[in-house]
Amino acid sequence: MEAKIKRLEHQLQDAVPADQVNILRQLVEAYRERESNLTATYQAQIDHLKNVELAAVKAFAQFNEKQLRDLIEHTIDGIIILDEQTRIIFINPAGERLLNRAAKTLLNRPFEFPLVIGDQMMEITIDRGDDAPTFAELRMATITWQGKPAFLASLRDITDRKRVEAELREKNRIITEQKEEIEIQNRYLTRALQELEDIQVELVRKNSLIFDQKEVLAHQNEQLRQTLSELERTRQQLVDSEKIASLSVLVAGVAHEVNTPVGIGVTAASTLVELTRSFVERYNADQINSSDLESYVQEVYRAGQLILTNLQRAAALVQNFKQISVDHVTEERRHFALKPYLETVIASLKPKFKHKAITIEIDCPPEIELESYPGIFAQILTNLLINSLIHGFEDRQQGYIRIGATQQDDQLVLTYQDDGQGIPPDIRPNVFDPFFTTNKTVGTGLGLYLIHNLVVQQLKGTISLESPPEGGVLVTLNLPLNPEEDAA
């Protein structure tokens, strides 16, 4: 470059006046200075890039293989590591899903796609063995894997994008064809639009009024929706509370029934312990004869019999309550005999009736068996009995309740009847309504409502209630022996 500039100066001295040569010489000096500055700047940038590259290499060296493996394992792209012979030595789970092949079938096999090195990208088609092909973007980079040079291939699924692009191309073709038709129609529409402008102005005015009314209605609807939602939550909570209250009645009844045999068993056991202690003292004092031994054995036998009998009775009560409580909580369908189950429920409720002389009769053939929900039967019977106790016999100390059951083909007719004070005709249509009660101090108004829901929705049956003028209530339930089969 310097040689060219000097030759140019000699040529200019011969062809150009001296004053202009000086000007040109100044320009050349300025050019040399600018060239020197640019060269220094360029060299500084090169040095900076080298430093950045060196820092990147150091940073990558600190990024150990375990971290790289963890990153590859959890990425959504398919990652495949190849050795220098382009054999597959690693594939992540996303790659297995994309290729629809397990890693063990791919390892140590040649990479079946072209090698793409650097910033290049290639779209490839993957044959997954199903009907539709899968498209992916392939990028590759050179890395160090397990201390050896390797290739990292990245596969990104673009099948959905390709499908959308194809759909867009088809839609664009259709749009182009329709565009000409639309242009023709637009000419006709222009005239029609002119006529519609006046109508549109009026519509805008009316729409503004409607929009204002719509906002008011939307606000009111939202308030109503929230209110209904809150009421439904409250209703469900009360229904659940009614179920829990029914179960608590059973708990109290069983606790009362179990207390007697357990108390007798404890007393007999204490007597046995005292008898044995006295016998041991006399034995140690060598004061035992054959009659004493015979008497002791008889007393031990009688005490053991008494303990065993009462413990068996308590165990039977607990077992019955355990089954009823499980039925209450789970509401699972199972096979059961109706009469023993009704007797068990009534036995657990007897303590509730101990202050009144109320006779409860069960008229049910022992052969009636159901494939149904015993917990629901217990809930229904409990609510009916408690309802009679609270309302039917509120002002009476004695009464009569009859529970009858008959089988008609695949249907069960269950009747519940008491001779209480009955239900007045004016409130009879409302007895199955939620929260309806004639005595809010002792009831929630959900007892009969819950019974109606259980009969109709769970047991797929019907329920009716009658109350003659002379008093008393007759509730009739028509139920399928197997609700599931009846519903099918």
Protein backbone atom coordinates (compact mmCIF):
# COMPACT_ATOMS: atom_id res chain seq x y z
CA MET A 1 0.00 0.00 0.00
CA GLU A 2 2.88 2.40 0.89
CA ALA A 3 4.56 1.71 -2.48
CA LYS A 4 1.39 2.53 -4.37
CA ILE A 5 0.98 5.79 -2.45
CA LYS A 6 4.60 6.83 -3.24
CA ARG A 7 4.17 6.06 -6.95
CA LEU A 8 0.98 8.08 -6.92
CA GLU A 9 2.86 11.02 -5.29
CA HIS A 10 5.55 10.99 -8.06
CA GLN A 11 2.90 10.89 -10.77
CA LEU A 12 0.99 13.75 -9.18
CA GLN A 13 4.14 15.91 -8.86
CA ASP A 14 4.61 15.74 -12.63
CA ALA A 15 0.96 16.30 -13.55
CA VAL A 16 -0.49 18.51 -10.77
CA PRO A 17 0.53 21.99 -9.51
CA ALA A 18 2.57 22.15 -6.35
CA ASP A 19 -0.15 23.80 -4.19
CA GLN A 20 -2.62 21.04 -5.10
CA VAL A 21 0.00 18.37 -4.47
CA ASN A 22 0.32 19.67 -0.91
CA ILE A 23 -3.42 19.41 -0.45
CA LEU A 24 -3.40 15.87 -1.77
CA ARG A 25 -0.45 15.01 0.45
CA GLN A 26 -2.44 16.22 3.46
CA LEU A 27 -5.34 14.07 2.38
CA VAL A 28 -3.05 11.05 2.05
CA GLU A 29 -1.67 11.65 5.56
CA ALA A 30 -5.21 11.87 6.92
CA TYR A 31 -6.07 8.61 5.10
CA ARG A 32 -2.96 6.95 6.59
CA GLU A 33 -3.94 8.08 10.09
CA ARG A 34 -7.54 6.85 9.64
CA GLU A 35 -6.24 3.52 8.27
CA SER A 36 -3.96 3.15 11.28
CA ASN A 37 -6.85 3.90 13.69
CA LEU A 38 -9.13 1.41 11.94
CA THR A 39 -6.40 -1.24 12.04
CA ALA A 40 -5.92 -0.70 15.78
CA THR A 41 -9.70 -0.84 16.40
CA TYR A 42 -10.04 -4.03 14.32
CA GLN A 43 -7.13 -5.63 16.19
CA ALA A 44 -8.71 -4.66 19.55
CA GLN A 45 -12.01 -6.25 18.49
CA ILE A 46 -10.20 -9.43 17.44
CA ASP A 47 -8.43 -9.56 20.80
CA HIS A 48 -11.78 -9.04 22.59
CA LEU A 49 -13.43 -11.86 20.62
CA LYS A 50 -10.53 -14.14 21.43
CA ASN A 51 -10.91 -13.31 25.12
CA VAL A 52 -14.68 -13.94 24.95
CA GLU A 53 -14.09 -17.24 23.14
CA LEU A 54 -11.50 -18.25 25.74
CA ALA A 55 -13.95 -17.39 28.56
CA ALA A 56 -16.71 -19.38 26.85
CA VAL A 57 -14.42 -22.39 26.49
CA LYS A 58 -13.52 -22.15 30.17
CA ALA A 59 -17.21 -21.82 31.14
CA PHE A 60 -18.17 -24.80 29.00
CA ALA A 61 -15.37 -26.84 30.55
CA GLN A 62 -16.84 -26.06 33.97
CA PHE A 63 -20.27 -27.28 32.78
CA ASN A 64 -19.61 -30.91 33.61
CA GLU A 65 -21.09 -33.89 31.84
CA LYS A 66 -23.56 -34.68 34.63
CA GLN A 67 -25.14 -31.21 34.32
CA LEU A 68 -25.28 -31.60 30.55
CA ARG A 69 -26.86 -35.04 30.91
CA ASP A 70 -29.47 -33.69 33.34
CA LEU A 71 -30.26 -30.86 30.95
CA ILE A 72 -30.60 -33.27 28.00
CA GLU A 73 -32.77 -35.70 29.99
CA HIS A 74 -35.38 -33.03 30.76
CA THR A 75 -35.48 -31.07 27.50
CA ILE A 76 -38.59 -31.37 25.29
CA ASP A 77 -36.46 -31.76 22.14
CA GLY A 78 -35.09 -35.10 21.06
CA ILE A 79 -31.32 -35.20 21.78
CA ILE A 80 -29.05 -37.85 20.22
CA ILE A 81 -25.28 -38.12 20.90
CA LEU A 82 -23.13 -39.66 18.11
CA ASP A 83 -19.54 -40.85 18.25
CA GLU A 84 -16.97 -39.95 15.62
CA GLN A 85 -18.26 -42.79 13.40
CA THR A 86 -21.81 -41.29 13.71
CA ARG A 87 -23.04 -44.24 15.77
CA ILE A 88 -25.69 -43.49 18.38
CA ILE A 89 -24.26 -43.63 21.90
CA PHE A 90 -27.03 -41.79 23.79
CA ILE A 91 -30.66 -40.76 23.27
CA ASN A 92 -32.92 -38.92 25.71
CA PRO A 93 -36.57 -39.86 26.49
CA ALA A 94 -37.92 -37.13 24.20
CA GLY A 95 -35.89 -38.63 21.34
CA GLU A 96 -37.29 -42.09 22.04
CA ARG A 97 -40.86 -40.71 21.90
CA LEU A 98 -40.17 -38.76 18.72
CA LEU A 99 -38.64 -41.76 16.91
CA ASN A 100 -41.18 -44.13 18.52
CA ARG A 101 -38.34 -46.51 19.34
CA ALA A 102 -36.70 -47.61 22.57
CA ALA A 103 -33.14 -46.55 23.32
CA LYS A 104 -31.87 -50.14 23.45
CA THR A 105 -32.90 -50.65 19.79
CA LEU A 106 -30.96 -47.55 18.69
CA LEU A 107 -27.71 -47.59 20.64
CA ASN A 108 -24.55 -48.40 18.61
CA ARG A 109 -26.52 -48.15 15.36
CA PRO A 110 -25.62 -45.66 12.58
CA PHE A 111 -27.42 -42.31 12.55
CA GLU A 112 -29.96 -42.63 9.73
CA PHE A 113 -30.26 -38.90 8.97
CA PRO A 114 -27.82 -36.56 7.14
CA LEU A 115 -25.14 -34.76 9.14
CA VAL A 116 -25.81 -31.04 9.54
CA ILE A 117 -22.90 -29.12 11.04
CA GLY A 118 -22.70 -25.47 12.09
CA ASP A 119 -25.61 -23.06 11.91
CA GLN A 120 -27.43 -25.08 9.26
CA MET A 121 -30.85 -26.60 9.82
CA MET A 122 -32.54 -29.36 7.88
CA GLU A 123 -36.16 -30.50 7.85
CA ILE A 124 -36.38 -34.29 7.90
CA THR A 125 -39.19 -36.86 7.72
CA ILE A 126 -39.31 -39.57 10.39
CA ASP A 127 -40.97 -42.90 9.68
CA ARG A 128 -42.49 -43.89 13.04
CA GLY A 129 -44.24 -46.96 11.69
CA ASP A 130 -47.74 -45.42 11.88
CA ASP A 131 -49.95 -43.97 9.16
CA ALA A 132 -48.93 -40.30 9.22
CA PRO A 133 -45.28 -39.19 8.83
CA THR A 134 -43.59 -37.08 11.48
CA PHE A 135 -41.60 -33.98 10.53
CA ALA A 136 -38.71 -32.57 12.53
CA GLU A 137 -36.01 -29.89 12.42
CA LEU A 138 -32.48 -31.33 12.67
CA ARG A 139 -29.56 -29.30 14.01
CA MET A 140 -26.14 -30.61 14.99
CA ALA A 141 -23.12 -29.41 16.92
CA THR A 142 -19.75 -30.86 17.88
CA ILE A 143 -19.23 -31.50 21.61
CA THR A 144 -16.98 -33.49 23.93
CA TRP A 145 -18.78 -36.49 25.45
CA GLN A 146 -17.09 -38.71 28.01
CA GLY A 147 -13.78 -37.11 27.10
CA LYS A 148 -14.10 -37.83 23.37
CA PRO A 149 -15.20 -35.75 20.36
CA ALA A 150 -18.85 -36.34 19.53
CA PHE A 151 -21.82 -34.92 17.66
CA LEU A 152 -24.98 -33.62 19.36
CA ALA A 153 -28.09 -33.93 17.16
CA SER A 154 -31.21 -31.97 18.17
CA LEU A 155 -34.60 -33.04 16.80
CA ARG A 156 -37.60 -30.75 17.25
CA ASP A 157 -41.07 -32.03 16.29
CA ILE A 158 -42.62 -29.66 13.72
CA THR A 159 -45.41 -31.98 12.55
CA ASP A 160 -48.14 -29.73 13.88
CA ARG A 161 -46.51 -26.69 12.33
CA LYS A 162 -46.22 -28.41 8.93
CA ARG A 163 -49.83 -29.47 9.12
CA VAL A 164 -50.91 -25.92 9.96
CA GLU A 165 -48.79 -24.56 7.09
CA ALA A 166 -50.44 -26.98 4.68
CA GLU A 167 -53.85 -26.02 5.96
CA LEU A 168 -52.98 -22.34 5.58
CA ARG A 169 -51.84 -22.87 1.99
CA GLU A 170 -55.10 -24.63 1.19
CA LYS A 171 -57.08 -21.90 2.88
CA ASN A 172 -55.13 -19.23 1.00
CA ARG A 173 -55.99 -20.97 -2.28
CA ILE A 174 -59.64 -21.04 -1.35
CA ILE A 175 -59.48 -17.41 -0.22
CA THR A 176 -57.93 -16.39 -3.54
CA GLU A 177 -60.71 -18.11 -5.46
CA GLN A 178 -63.31 -16.54 -3.28
CA LYS A 179 -61.72 -13.11 -3.49
CA GLU A 180 -62.82 -12.57 -7.09
CA GLU A 181 -66.34 -13.65 -6.26
CA ILE A 182 -66.33 -11.32 -3.27
CA GLU A 183 -65.20 -8.40 -5.42
CA ILE A 184 -68.16 -8.95 -7.68
CA GLN A 185 -70.50 -9.18 -4.73
CA ASN A 186 -68.95 -6.08 -3.18
CA ARG A 187 -70.16 -3.97 -6.08
CA TYR A 188 -73.70 -5.07 -5.38
CA LEU A 189 -73.21 -4.74 -1.65
CA THR A 190 -71.99 -1.17 -1.94
CA ARG A 191 -75.41 -0.09 -3.09
CA ALA A 192 -77.07 -2.14 -0.38
CA LEU A 193 -74.72 -0.74 2.27
CA GLN A 194 -75.72 2.75 1.33
CA GLU A 195 -79.31 1.86 2.00
CA LEU A 196 -78.37 0.19 5.27
CA GLU A 197 -76.48 3.15 6.70
CA ASP A 198 -79.62 4.82 7.96
CA ILE A 199 -80.79 1.55 9.46
CA GLN A 200 -77.37 1.02 11.05
CA VAL A 201 -77.49 4.40 12.78
CA GLU A 202 -80.78 3.44 14.35
CA LEU A 203 -79.45 0.03 15.30
CA VAL A 204 -76.39 1.60 16.96
CA ARG A 205 -78.66 3.72 19.09
CA LYS A 206 -80.79 0.74 20.08
CA ASN A 207 -77.72 -1.45 20.65
CA SER A 208 -76.37 1.13 23.04
CA LEU A 209 -79.56 0.90 25.06
CA ILE A 210 -79.47 -2.91 24.93
CA PHE A 211 -75.81 -2.98 25.98
CA ASP A 212 -76.58 -0.85 29.03
CA GLN A 213 -79.44 -3.17 29.95
CA LYS A 214 -77.24 -6.22 29.27
CA GLU A 215 -74.59 -5.01 31.72
CA VAL A 216 -77.25 -4.52 34.39
CA LEU A 217 -78.68 -7.99 33.73
CA ALA A 218 -75.21 -9.58 33.68
CA HIS A 219 -74.43 -8.04 37.06
CA GLN A 220 -77.72 -9.25 38.48
CA ASN A 221 -77.19 -12.73 37.00
CA GLU A 222 -73.74 -12.94 38.55
CA GLN A 223 -75.15 -11.98 41.94
CA LEU A 224 -77.89 -14.60 41.56
CA ARG A 225 -75.34 -17.22 40.48
CA GLN A 226 -73.18 -16.52 43.52
CA THR A 227 -76.23 -16.63 45.79
CA LEU A 228 -77.39 -19.95 44.32
CA SER A 229 -73.89 -21.38 44.60
CA GLU A 230 -73.69 -20.35 48.24
CA LEU A 231 -77.14 -21.79 48.91
CA GLU A 232 -76.16 -25.08 47.24
CA ARG A 233 -73.00 -25.30 49.35
CA THR A 234 -75.02 -24.56 52.48
CA ARG A 235 -77.63 -27.15 51.51
CA GLN A 236 -74.97 -29.80 50.93
CA GLN A 237 -73.33 -29.00 54.25
CA LEU A 238 -76.67 -29.36 56.02
CA VAL A 239 -77.36 -32.65 54.22
CA ASP A 240 -73.95 -33.94 55.30
CA SER A 241 -74.68 -32.71 58.84
CA GLU A 242 -77.97 -34.64 58.77
CA LYS A 243 -76.12 -37.81 57.77
CA ILE A 244 -73.55 -37.29 60.52
CA ALA A 245 -76.34 -36.63 63.04
CA SER A 246 -77.99 -39.89 62.00
CA LEU A 247 -74.73 -41.76 62.47
CA SER A 248 -74.20 -40.11 65.87
CA VAL A 249 -77.60 -41.47 66.96
CA LEU A 250 -76.39 -44.98 66.06
CA VAL A 251 -73.13 -44.39 67.94
CA ALA A 252 -75.00 -43.33 71.09
CA GLY A 253 -77.33 -46.33 70.83
CA VAL A 254 -74.55 -48.85 70.42
CA ALA A 255 -72.53 -47.28 73.22
CA HIS A 256 -75.52 -47.66 75.53
CA GLU A 257 -76.15 -51.28 74.47
CA VAL A 258 -72.49 -52.27 74.75
CA ASN A 259 -72.17 -50.76 78.22
CA THR A 260 -74.34 -53.46 79.88
CA PRO A 261 -72.49 -56.63 78.69
CA VAL A 262 -69.13 -54.96 79.17
CA GLY A 263 -70.07 -53.97 82.73
CA ILE A 264 -71.22 -57.50 83.53
CA GLY A 265 -68.00 -58.90 82.03
CA VAL A 266 -65.87 -56.52 84.13
CA THR A 267 -67.75 -57.47 87.32
CA ALA A 268 -67.37 -61.20 86.58
CA ALA A 269 -63.68 -60.75 85.82
CA SER A 270 -63.15 -58.85 89.13
CA THR A 271 -64.96 -61.62 91.03
CA LEU A 272 -62.81 -64.23 89.30
CA VAL A 273 -59.61 -62.36 90.22
CA GLU A 274 -60.68 -62.09 93.90
CA LEU A 275 -61.71 -65.76 93.97
CA THR A 276 -58.35 -66.80 92.49
CA ARG A 277 -56.42 -64.60 94.93
CA SER A 278 -58.21 -66.21 97.90
CA PHE A 279 -57.64 -69.69 96.47
CA VAL A 280 -53.90 -69.01 95.99
CA GLU A 281 -53.55 -67.79 99.60
CA ARG A 282 -55.21 -70.93 100.95
CA TYR A 283 -53.13 -73.09 98.61
CA ASN A 284 -49.90 -71.50 99.84
CA ALA A 285 -51.06 -72.11 103.40
CA ASP A 286 -51.74 -75.76 102.52
CA GLN A 287 -55.41 -75.38 103.49
CA ILE A 288 -56.98 -76.74 100.27
CA ASN A 289 -59.02 -79.94 100.23
CA SER A 290 -60.83 -81.66 97.40
CA SER A 291 -64.17 -79.91 98.06
CA ASP A 292 -62.45 -76.50 97.99
CA LEU A 293 -60.83 -77.32 94.64
CA GLU A 294 -64.12 -78.57 93.18
CA SER A 295 -65.93 -75.41 94.39
CA TYR A 296 -63.19 -73.19 92.91
CA VAL A 297 -63.32 -74.93 89.54
CA GLN A 298 -67.12 -74.55 89.40
CA GLU A 299 -66.93 -70.85 90.28
CA VAL A 300 -64.19 -70.26 87.69
CA TYR A 301 -66.26 -72.07 85.06
CA ARG A 302 -69.40 -70.02 85.85
CA ALA A 303 -67.42 -66.76 85.82
CA GLY A 304 -65.74 -67.71 82.55
CA GLN A 305 -69.10 -68.56 80.98
CA LEU A 306 -70.53 -65.23 82.15
CA ILE A 307 -67.55 -63.28 80.78
CA LEU A 308 -67.61 -65.16 77.46
CA THR A 309 -71.38 -64.72 76.97
CA ASN A 310 -71.29 -60.98 77.63
CA LEU A 311 -68.15 -60.39 75.59
CA GLN A 312 -69.75 -62.27 72.68
CA ARG A 313 -72.83 -60.09 73.03
CA ALA A 314 -70.70 -56.92 73.07
CA ALA A 315 -68.67 -58.15 70.08
CA ALA A 316 -71.88 -58.83 68.12
CA LEU A 317 -73.15 -55.32 68.89
CA VAL A 318 -69.85 -53.75 67.84
CA GLN A 319 -69.70 -55.84 64.67
CA ASN A 320 -73.25 -54.86 63.71
CA PHE A 321 -72.51 -51.20 64.37
CA LYS A 322 -69.24 -51.45 62.44
CA GLN A 323 -71.10 -52.70 59.35
CA ILE A 324 -73.82 -50.05 59.68
CA SER A 325 -71.29 -47.24 60.19
CA VAL A 326 -69.26 -48.40 57.18
CA ASP A 327 -72.47 -48.48 55.12
CA HIS A 328 -73.29 -44.94 56.29
CA VAL A 329 -69.89 -43.57 55.31
CA THR A 330 -69.12 -45.42 52.09
CA GLU A 331 -72.63 -46.00 50.61
CA GLU A 332 -71.27 -48.98 48.73
CA ARG A 333 -73.57 -51.44 47.00
CA ARG A 334 -73.51 -55.00 48.34
CA HIS A 335 -75.67 -58.08 48.83
CA PHE A 336 -77.58 -58.23 52.14
CA ALA A 337 -80.66 -59.76 53.79
CA LEU A 338 -83.22 -57.07 54.56
CA LYS A 339 -84.84 -58.27 57.81
CA PRO A 340 -81.64 -58.81 59.89
CA TYR A 341 -80.32 -55.46 58.72
CA LEU A 342 -83.52 -53.65 59.75
CA GLU A 343 -83.38 -55.40 63.14
CA THR A 344 -79.77 -54.30 63.63
CA VAL A 345 -80.56 -50.66 62.85
CA ILE A 346 -83.56 -50.63 65.16
CA ALA A 347 -81.55 -52.27 67.96
CA SER A 348 -78.94 -49.52 67.72
CA LEU A 349 -81.68 -46.85 68.02
CA LYS A 350 -83.51 -48.35 71.03
CA PRO A 351 -81.82 -46.06 73.59
CA LYS A 352 -83.45 -43.10 71.82
CA PHE A 353 -86.86 -44.57 72.64
CA LYS A 354 -86.11 -45.70 76.22
CA HIS A 355 -88.07 -42.80 77.78
CA LYS A 356 -91.25 -43.66 75.86
CA ALA A 357 -93.23 -46.89 75.56
CA ILE A 358 -93.13 -47.21 71.80
CA THR A 359 -93.52 -50.63 70.23
CA ILE A 360 -91.63 -51.23 66.98
CA GLU A 361 -92.74 -54.21 64.87
CA ILE A 362 -90.97 -55.57 61.78
CA ASP A 363 -93.10 -57.54 59.31
CA CYS A 364 -90.56 -58.70 56.72
CA PRO A 365 -90.12 -62.18 55.21
CA PRO A 366 -86.61 -63.48 56.03
CA GLU A 367 -85.98 -64.57 52.41
CA ILE A 368 -85.97 -61.03 51.00
CA GLU A 369 -82.44 -60.21 49.85
CA LEU A 370 -81.19 -57.19 47.91
CA GLU A 371 -78.21 -56.14 45.81
CA SER A 372 -78.42 -52.51 46.89
CA TYR A 373 -77.08 -49.88 49.30
CA PRO A 374 -77.60 -50.91 52.94
CA GLY A 375 -76.21 -47.62 54.24
CA ILE A 376 -79.00 -45.75 52.46
CA PHE A 377 -81.63 -48.08 53.97
CA ALA A 378 -80.14 -47.39 57.42
CA GLN A 379 -80.22 -43.64 56.75
CA ILE A 380 -83.86 -43.75 55.60
CA LEU A 381 -85.03 -45.88 58.53
CA THR A 382 -83.10 -43.77 61.06
CA ASN A 383 -84.60 -40.51 59.73
CA LEU A 384 -88.15 -41.96 59.75
CA LEU A 385 -87.82 -43.27 63.32
CA ILE A 386 -86.31 -40.02 64.63
CA ASN A 387 -89.00 -38.05 62.75
CA SER A 388 -91.73 -40.10 64.47
CA LEU A 389 -90.05 -39.64 67.86
CA ILE A 390 -89.64 -35.84 67.49
CA HIS A 391 -92.86 -34.95 65.69
CA GLY A 392 -95.28 -37.91 65.74
CA PHE A 393 -94.95 -38.74 69.46
CA GLU A 394 -93.94 -35.27 70.65
CA ASP A 395 -96.76 -35.04 73.21
CA ARG A 396 -97.27 -38.77 73.79
CA GLN A 397 -95.54 -41.31 76.00
CA GLN A 398 -96.54 -44.40 74.06
CA GLY A 399 -97.09 -45.39 70.46
CA TYR A 400 -96.79 -48.02 67.77
CA ILE A 401 -94.55 -48.24 64.69
CA ARG A 402 -94.83 -50.92 62.03
CA ILE A 403 -92.24 -51.56 59.32
CA GLY A 404 -93.43 -53.89 56.56
CA ALA A 405 -91.74 -55.30 53.46
CA THR A 406 -93.05 -57.39 50.55
CA GLN A 407 -91.43 -58.50 47.32
CA GLN A 408 -93.31 -58.09 44.03
CA ASP A 409 -91.26 -59.56 41.15
CA ASP A 410 -88.05 -57.51 41.10
CA GLN A 411 -89.50 -54.71 43.24
CA LEU A 412 -89.48 -54.19 47.01
CA VAL A 413 -92.46 -52.47 48.66
CA LEU A 414 -91.32 -51.05 52.00
CA THR A 415 -93.89 -49.41 54.27
CA TYR A 416 -93.37 -47.37 57.42
CA GLN A 417 -96.41 -46.58 59.58
CA ASP A 418 -96.87 -44.93 62.97
CA ASP A 419 -99.95 -43.95 65.01
CA GLY A 420 -98.63 -40.52 65.99
CA GLN A 421 -100.38 -37.18 65.68
CA GLY A 422 -100.08 -37.16 61.87
CA ILE A 423 -99.47 -34.29 59.42
CA PRO A 424 -102.02 -31.52 58.75
CA PRO A 425 -103.38 -31.45 55.16
CA ASP A 426 -102.22 -27.87 54.52
CA ILE A 427 -98.53 -28.69 55.04
CA ARG A 428 -98.53 -32.21 53.60
CA PRO A 429 -97.48 -31.09 50.06
CA ASN A 430 -94.34 -29.45 51.53
CA VAL A 431 -92.95 -32.25 53.68
CA PHE A 432 -90.32 -33.25 51.10
CA ASP A 433 -89.13 -29.64 50.55
CA PRO A 434 -85.67 -28.73 51.88
CA PHE A 435 -85.57 -26.86 55.22
CA PHE A 436 -89.30 -27.38 55.83
CA THR A 437 -90.05 -28.23 59.47
CA THR A 438 -92.82 -27.61 61.97
CA ASN A 439 -90.40 -27.48 64.90
CA LYS A 440 -87.25 -25.48 64.13
CA THR A 441 -85.94 -25.89 67.69
CA VAL A 442 -85.24 -29.62 67.24
CA GLY A 443 -84.99 -30.14 63.46
CA THR A 444 -83.25 -28.82 60.35
CA GLY A 445 -86.06 -29.57 57.90
CA LEU A 446 -83.82 -31.88 55.90
CA GLY A 447 -84.90 -35.30 57.22
CA LEU A 448 -87.69 -36.12 54.74
CA TYR A 449 -85.97 -34.12 51.99
CA LEU A 450 -82.89 -36.32 52.37
CA ILE A 451 -85.06 -39.46 52.36
CA HIS A 452 -86.75 -38.33 49.12
CA ASN A 453 -83.40 -37.68 47.42
CA LEU A 454 -81.96 -41.03 48.53
CA VAL A 455 -85.03 -42.96 47.32
CA VAL A 456 -85.36 -41.23 43.96
CA GLN A 457 -81.74 -40.56 42.99
CA GLN A 458 -79.75 -43.32 44.68
CA LEU A 459 -82.21 -46.22 44.89
CA LYS A 460 -84.08 -45.33 41.63
CA GLY A 461 -87.44 -45.74 43.36
CA THR A 462 -90.52 -43.76 44.37
CA ILE A 463 -91.86 -42.53 47.71
CA SER A 464 -95.32 -41.44 48.84
CA LEU A 465 -96.72 -40.18 52.15
CA GLU A 466 -100.26 -40.41 53.53
CA SER A 467 -101.69 -39.06 56.76
CA PRO A 468 -105.36 -39.91 57.44
CA PRO A 469 -107.57 -37.51 59.45
CA GLU A 470 -107.55 -39.79 62.51
CA GLY A 471 -103.75 -39.37 62.77
CA GLY A 472 -100.66 -41.35 62.02
CA VAL A 473 -98.41 -41.47 58.94
CA LEU A 474 -97.95 -44.08 56.23
CA VAL A 475 -94.80 -43.83 54.06
CA THR A 476 -94.61 -46.20 51.08
CA LEU A 477 -91.37 -46.87 49.17
CA ASN A 478 -91.30 -48.77 45.88
CA LEU A 479 -87.69 -49.82 45.26
CA PRO A 480 -85.89 -52.10 42.79
CA LEU A 481 -84.09 -55.06 44.38
CA ASN A 482 -81.07 -54.14 42.25
CA PRO A 483 -80.94 -50.36 41.47
CA GLU A 484 -78.10 -50.74 38.96
CA GLU A 485 -79.93 -53.29 36.82
CA ASP A 486 -83.15 -51.27 37.00
CA ALA A 487 -81.32 -48.11 35.86
CA ALA A 488 -79.73 -50.01 32.91
